[in-house]
Amino acid sequence: MQLIDITVRDKQAHPRLAGRMTGHVRAVLQETIGTQEQTHELAIPVWADIPDGTSDADIDMALMLKAADIIARLKANLGPSAST
């Protein structure tokens, strides 16, 4: 299973926690089973604590890194077949 695309779908300041951004990251994964390829599109809810003055690009990067970490844990839990 390979990550082939990742983008921030939406983001907003947390309504009660100052300095926290929440949002959804769109991740596209490609999986090969035998000779058949399958594409999966996921919307992953994420959050990150962001210092004041952080640029939009850095906020997007923080949210995408959170999503990439979630995907890495998912792949690790799928076992050896997830690395093909």
C-alpha atoms as a PDB file:
ATOM      1  CA  MET A   1       0.000   0.000   0.000  1.00  0.00           C
ATOM      2  CA  GLN A   2       1.504   3.306  -1.075  1.00  0.00           C
ATOM      3  CA  LEU A   3       0.530   6.885  -0.377  1.00  0.00           C
ATOM      4  CA  ILE A   4       0.250   8.566  -3.779  1.00  0.00           C
ATOM      5  CA  ASP A   5      -1.355  11.914  -2.856  1.00  0.00           C
ATOM      6  CA  ILE A   6      -2.036  13.920   0.285  1.00  0.00           C
ATOM      7  CA  THR A   7      -3.698  17.340   0.635  1.00  0.00           C
ATOM      8  CA  VAL A   8      -5.482  19.361   3.301  1.00  0.00           C
ATOM      9  CA  ARG A   9      -9.208  19.273   2.534  1.00  0.00           C
ATOM     10  CA  ASP A  10     -10.299  21.733   5.227  1.00  0.00           C
ATOM     11  CA  LYS A  11      -8.977  23.340   8.402  1.00  0.00           C
ATOM     12  CA  GLN A  12     -10.253  25.582  11.140  1.00  0.00           C
ATOM     13  CA  ALA A  13      -9.294  26.832  14.584  1.00  0.00           C
ATOM     14  CA  HIS A  14     -10.561  24.610  17.381  1.00  0.00           C
ATOM     15  CA  PRO A  15     -13.653  26.270  18.909  1.00  0.00           C
ATOM     16  CA  ARG A  16     -12.455  25.919  22.528  1.00  0.00           C
ATOM     17  CA  LEU A  17      -8.710  25.197  22.576  1.00  0.00           C
ATOM     18  CA  ALA A  18      -6.539  28.180  21.711  1.00  0.00           C
ATOM     19  CA  GLY A  19      -3.640  27.353  19.408  1.00  0.00           C
ATOM     20  CA  ARG A  20      -5.148  24.126  18.105  1.00  0.00           C
ATOM     21  CA  MET A  21      -6.146  23.621  14.471  1.00  0.00           C
ATOM     22  CA  THR A  22      -8.426  20.815  13.355  1.00  0.00           C
ATOM     23  CA  GLY A  23      -9.313  19.616   9.906  1.00  0.00           C
ATOM     24  CA  HIS A  24      -9.420  16.796   7.418  1.00  0.00           C
ATOM     25  CA  VAL A  25      -6.635  15.561   5.185  1.00  0.00           C
ATOM     26  CA  ARG A  26      -7.419  13.779   1.923  1.00  0.00           C
ATOM     27  CA  ALA A  27      -5.096  10.839   1.365  1.00  0.00           C
ATOM     28  CA  VAL A  28      -5.037   8.640  -1.714  1.00  0.00           C
ATOM     29  CA  LEU A  29      -3.556   5.179  -1.252  1.00  0.00           C
ATOM     30  CA  GLN A  30      -2.796   2.663  -3.975  1.00  0.00           C
ATOM     31  CA  GLU A  31      -2.848  -1.031  -3.179  1.00  0.00           C
ATOM     32  CA  THR A  32      -1.725  -3.897  -5.390  1.00  0.00           C
ATOM     33  CA  ILE A  33      -3.330  -7.280  -4.811  1.00  0.00           C
ATOM     34  CA  GLY A  34      -1.855  -9.830  -7.179  1.00  0.00           C
ATOM     35  CA  THR A  35      -2.022  -8.093 -10.548  1.00  0.00           C
ATOM     36  CA  GLN A  36      -4.935  -5.822  -9.658  1.00  0.00           C
ATOM     37  CA  GLU A  37      -4.400  -2.242  -8.493  1.00  0.00           C
ATOM     38  CA  GLN A  38      -6.952  -0.558  -6.284  1.00  0.00           C
ATOM     39  CA  THR A  39      -7.091   3.096  -5.243  1.00  0.00           C
ATOM     40  CA  HIS A  40      -8.501   4.193  -1.891  1.00  0.00           C
ATOM     41  CA  GLU A  41      -9.389   7.791  -1.055  1.00  0.00           C
ATOM     42  CA  LEU A  42      -9.561   8.573   2.665  1.00  0.00           C
ATOM     43  CA  ALA A  43     -10.609  11.657   4.625  1.00  0.00           C
ATOM     44  CA  ILE A  44      -8.578  11.598   7.840  1.00  0.00           C
ATOM     45  CA  PRO A  45      -9.603  13.854  10.740  1.00  0.00           C
ATOM     46  CA  VAL A  46      -6.510  15.486  12.265  1.00  0.00           C
ATOM     47  CA  TRP A  47      -5.462  18.162  14.753  1.00  0.00           C
ATOM     48  CA  ALA A  48      -2.253  19.972  15.587  1.00  0.00           C
ATOM     49  CA  ASP A  49      -1.162  22.500  18.198  1.00  0.00           C
ATOM     50  CA  ILE A  50       0.111  25.542  16.314  1.00  0.00           C
ATOM     51  CA  PRO A  51       2.089  28.509  17.729  1.00  0.00           C
ATOM     52  CA  ASP A  52       0.774  32.014  17.019  1.00  0.00           C
ATOM     53  CA  GLY A  53       2.046  33.482  13.776  1.00  0.00           C
ATOM     54  CA  THR A  54       2.445  30.143  11.985  1.00  0.00           C
ATOM     55  CA  SER A  55       2.019  30.442   8.206  1.00  0.00           C
ATOM     56  CA  ASP A  56      -0.803  28.665   6.376  1.00  0.00           C
ATOM     57  CA  ALA A  57       1.747  26.482   4.578  1.00  0.00           C
ATOM     58  CA  ASP A  58       3.257  25.364   7.899  1.00  0.00           C
ATOM     59  CA  ILE A  59      -0.211  24.642   9.326  1.00  0.00           C
ATOM     60  CA  ASP A  60      -1.013  22.507   6.261  1.00  0.00           C
ATOM     61  CA  MET A  61       2.305  20.677   6.663  1.00  0.00           C
ATOM     62  CA  ALA A  62       1.609  19.970  10.353  1.00  0.00           C
ATOM     63  CA  LEU A  63      -1.832  18.554   9.530  1.00  0.00           C
ATOM     64  CA  MET A  64      -0.464  16.438   6.660  1.00  0.00           C
ATOM     65  CA  LEU A  65       2.314  15.085   8.903  1.00  0.00           C
ATOM     66  CA  LYS A  66      -0.304  14.017  11.457  1.00  0.00           C
ATOM     67  CA  ALA A  67      -2.229  12.223   8.709  1.00  0.00           C
ATOM     68  CA  ALA A  68       0.949  10.583   7.357  1.00  0.00           C
ATOM     69  CA  ASP A  69       1.679   9.291  10.866  1.00  0.00           C
ATOM     70  CA  ILE A  70      -1.826   7.803  11.083  1.00  0.00           C
ATOM     71  CA  ILE A  71      -1.337   6.121   7.685  1.00  0.00           C
ATOM     72  CA  ALA A  72       2.061   4.718   8.749  1.00  0.00           C
ATOM     73  CA  ARG A  73       0.484   3.181  11.867  1.00  0.00           C
ATOM     74  CA  LEU A  74      -2.330   1.729   9.754  1.00  0.00           C
ATOM     75  CA  LYS A  75       0.163   0.155   7.352  1.00  0.00           C
ATOM     76  CA  ALA A  76       2.192  -1.266  10.261  1.00  0.00           C
ATOM     77  CA  ASN A  77      -0.939  -2.860  11.729  1.00  0.00           C
ATOM     78  CA  LEU A  78      -1.866  -4.464   8.410  1.00  0.00           C
ATOM     79  CA  GLY A  79       1.225  -6.644   8.564  1.00  0.00           C
ATOM     80  CA  PRO A  80       3.803  -7.719   5.965  1.00  0.00           C
ATOM     81  CA  SER A  81       1.402  -7.592   2.994  1.00  0.00           C
ATOM     82  CA  ALA A  82       1.025  -3.807   3.484  1.00  0.00           C
ATOM     83  CA  SER A  83       4.589  -3.182   2.281  1.00  0.00           C
ATOM     84  CA  THR A  84       4.040  -4.554  -1.220  1.00  0.00           C
END
